[in-house]
Amino acid sequence: MQTENDGRNDFDFLVGSWKVHHRRLKELLKGSTQWDEFESTVVDRAIMGGIGNIEEMTFERESGRLYGTSLSIFNPKSTEWSQYWVDSANGVLQDPVVGKFKNGVGEFSSEEEFEGRKVLARSLWYDITPNLCKWEQALSDDEGKTWETNWVMKFERT
């Protein structure tokens, strides 16, 4: 049963078509300050009566075109979202980042393996308006004491 403002509509802002500018660190957790910059297009739509979103992304990289899909599913019992990622380079559905929106910011986290060790991963959705929003990803290899932002995306509605 849906309760008002339980979080199930938190990704409604993303439905539609977007142009995205990316900045991604060239090397992760190595103190790098060199960024790759590239563009993508995104089409997002609500699924399953609104408790899910599917985001299809086409990246235009120097190395060629890459496709990615993000699947976000709302759990009405926990009132949290799980976001899954898969891309055409790897073809493996990754474990989800899990979280929710509070005061207009979506914060999601997970524990992941990176270069043979466990790290914390965090992603944020913020600066959300009808025609713009931002997303960023960060990793921590010291149990969350410090974070290295390694990917920033700026979405503009088309």
Protein backbone atom coordinates (compact mmCIF):
# COMPACT_ATOMS: atom_id res chain seq x y z
CA MET A 1 0.00 0.00 0.00
CA GLN A 2 1.37 3.40 -0.99
CA THR A 3 1.78 5.99 1.70
CA GLU A 4 2.10 9.66 0.87
CA ASN A 5 5.72 10.80 0.44
CA ASP A 6 7.21 7.37 1.21
CA GLY A 7 9.92 7.94 -1.42
CA ARG A 8 8.52 5.97 -4.34
CA ASN A 9 8.33 9.12 -6.51
CA ASP A 10 11.81 10.41 -5.73
CA PHE A 11 13.17 9.54 -9.19
CA ASP A 12 10.27 11.12 -11.11
CA PHE A 13 12.54 14.12 -11.82
CA LEU A 14 14.74 11.91 -14.03
CA VAL A 15 12.02 10.73 -16.43
CA GLY A 16 12.68 12.07 -19.92
CA SER A 17 15.62 12.79 -22.22
CA TRP A 18 18.92 14.34 -21.15
CA LYS A 19 22.30 15.46 -22.45
CA VAL A 20 25.02 14.69 -19.89
CA HIS A 21 28.52 16.08 -19.44
CA HIS A 22 30.89 13.70 -17.60
CA ARG A 23 34.12 14.28 -15.70
CA ARG A 24 35.78 11.04 -14.60
CA LEU A 25 39.14 10.57 -12.89
CA LYS A 26 41.63 8.71 -15.08
CA GLU A 27 42.93 6.67 -12.11
CA LEU A 28 40.99 5.76 -8.98
CA LEU A 29 42.32 5.88 -5.41
CA LYS A 30 45.81 6.84 -6.55
CA GLY A 31 45.70 10.59 -5.87
CA SER A 32 45.09 11.37 -9.55
CA THR A 33 44.04 14.88 -10.55
CA GLN A 34 43.65 14.12 -14.26
CA TRP A 35 40.11 13.90 -15.58
CA ASP A 36 38.56 12.50 -18.76
CA GLU A 37 35.67 14.59 -20.05
CA PHE A 38 33.02 13.24 -22.42
CA GLU A 39 29.34 13.43 -23.31
CA SER A 40 26.39 11.08 -23.28
CA THR A 41 22.67 11.03 -23.89
CA VAL A 42 20.18 9.53 -21.46
CA VAL A 43 16.59 8.40 -21.80
CA ASP A 44 14.87 7.54 -18.52
CA ARG A 45 11.39 6.12 -18.04
CA ALA A 46 9.31 4.96 -15.12
CA ILE A 47 8.47 1.24 -14.98
CA MET A 48 6.36 -1.10 -12.84
CA GLY A 49 3.69 1.48 -12.07
CA GLY A 50 6.26 4.01 -10.91
CA ILE A 51 8.26 2.04 -8.32
CA GLY A 52 11.06 1.57 -10.82
CA ASN A 53 13.07 3.60 -13.32
CA ILE A 54 15.22 2.44 -16.19
CA GLU A 55 17.89 4.75 -17.55
CA GLU A 56 19.53 4.02 -20.89
CA MET A 57 22.77 5.89 -21.54
CA THR A 58 24.85 6.19 -24.72
CA PHE A 59 28.40 7.41 -24.11
CA GLU A 60 30.47 9.05 -26.82
CA ARG A 61 34.09 8.36 -25.87
CA GLU A 62 37.36 8.75 -27.76
CA SER A 63 37.63 4.96 -27.59
CA GLY A 64 34.19 4.59 -29.18
CA ARG A 65 30.54 4.34 -28.28
CA LEU A 66 29.55 2.62 -25.02
CA TYR A 67 26.08 1.76 -23.73
CA GLY A 68 24.95 1.58 -20.12
CA THR A 69 21.74 0.90 -18.24
CA SER A 70 20.81 1.85 -14.71
CA LEU A 71 17.85 0.13 -13.07
CA SER A 72 16.42 1.75 -9.94
CA ILE A 73 13.85 -0.15 -7.85
CA PHE A 74 11.95 1.19 -4.82
CA ASN A 75 11.35 -1.13 -1.86
CA PRO A 76 8.09 -0.02 -0.18
CA LYS A 77 8.95 -1.88 3.04
CA SER A 78 12.36 -0.29 3.63
CA THR A 79 11.45 2.92 1.69
CA GLU A 80 14.87 2.69 0.03
CA TRP A 81 15.96 2.57 -3.58
CA SER A 82 18.39 0.03 -5.04
CA GLN A 83 20.29 1.17 -8.15
CA TYR A 84 21.90 -1.43 -10.39
CA TRP A 85 24.34 -0.77 -13.28
CA VAL A 86 25.39 -2.72 -16.36
CA ASP A 87 27.32 -1.55 -19.43
CA SER A 88 28.25 -2.91 -22.82
CA ALA A 89 31.97 -3.06 -21.94
CA ASN A 90 31.48 -5.63 -19.16
CA GLY A 91 27.99 -7.10 -19.57
CA VAL A 92 27.77 -7.81 -15.81
CA LEU A 93 24.93 -6.51 -13.63
CA GLN A 94 26.71 -4.93 -10.67
CA ASP A 95 25.57 -5.15 -7.06
CA PRO A 96 23.34 -2.21 -6.18
CA VAL A 97 23.99 0.99 -4.32
CA VAL A 98 21.17 1.44 -1.82
CA GLY A 99 19.75 4.60 -0.30
CA LYS A 100 17.11 7.28 -0.29
CA PHE A 101 16.45 10.97 -0.75
CA LYS A 102 16.43 13.40 2.14
CA ASN A 103 16.04 17.18 1.84
CA GLY A 104 16.37 17.01 -1.95
CA VAL A 105 19.60 14.95 -1.99
CA GLY A 106 19.72 11.25 -2.84
CA GLU A 107 22.53 9.37 -1.08
CA PHE A 108 23.33 5.78 -2.01
CA SER A 109 26.11 3.49 -0.82
CA SER A 110 27.57 0.03 -1.09
CA GLU A 111 30.67 -1.99 -0.29
CA GLU A 112 32.59 -2.99 -3.40
CA GLU A 113 35.76 -4.75 -4.37
CA PHE A 114 38.38 -2.59 -6.07
CA GLU A 115 41.76 -3.94 -7.11
CA GLY A 116 41.46 -6.85 -4.68
CA ARG A 117 40.36 -4.87 -1.63
CA LYS A 118 37.05 -3.75 -0.13
CA VAL A 119 36.13 -0.10 -0.54
CA LEU A 120 33.04 1.94 0.21
CA ALA A 121 31.20 3.50 -2.72
CA ARG A 122 28.83 6.44 -2.46
CA SER A 123 26.74 8.20 -5.08
CA LEU A 124 24.79 11.42 -4.70
CA TRP A 125 21.95 13.02 -6.67
CA TYR A 126 21.72 16.77 -5.97
CA ASP A 127 20.98 20.25 -7.38
CA ILE A 128 17.77 18.81 -8.79
CA THR A 129 15.57 21.20 -10.79
CA PRO A 130 13.05 20.49 -13.57
CA ASN A 131 15.76 20.87 -16.26
CA LEU A 132 19.07 20.19 -14.49
CA CYS A 133 20.52 17.76 -11.97
CA LYS A 134 23.89 16.45 -10.89
CA TRP A 135 25.21 13.05 -9.89
CA GLU A 136 28.57 12.13 -8.45
CA GLN A 137 30.35 9.02 -7.29
CA ALA A 138 33.08 8.72 -4.66
CA LEU A 139 35.15 5.89 -3.18
CA SER A 140 36.69 5.48 0.25
CA ASP A 141 39.44 3.03 1.13
CA ASP A 142 39.58 4.11 4.80
CA GLU A 143 36.09 3.07 5.97
CA GLY A 144 34.49 6.41 5.10
CA LYS A 145 36.90 8.77 6.83
CA THR A 146 37.82 10.36 3.49
CA TRP A 147 36.22 10.20 0.07
CA GLU A 148 37.67 10.59 -3.42
CA THR A 149 35.12 11.90 -5.89
CA ASN A 150 35.88 10.10 -9.13
CA TRP A 151 32.94 10.79 -11.41
CA VAL A 152 30.69 13.85 -11.79
CA MET A 153 27.78 14.10 -14.23
CA LYS A 154 25.79 17.22 -15.08
CA PHE A 155 22.40 16.45 -16.65
CA GLU A 156 20.57 18.97 -18.88
CA ARG A 157 17.08 18.15 -20.13
CA THR A 158 16.69 18.05 -23.92
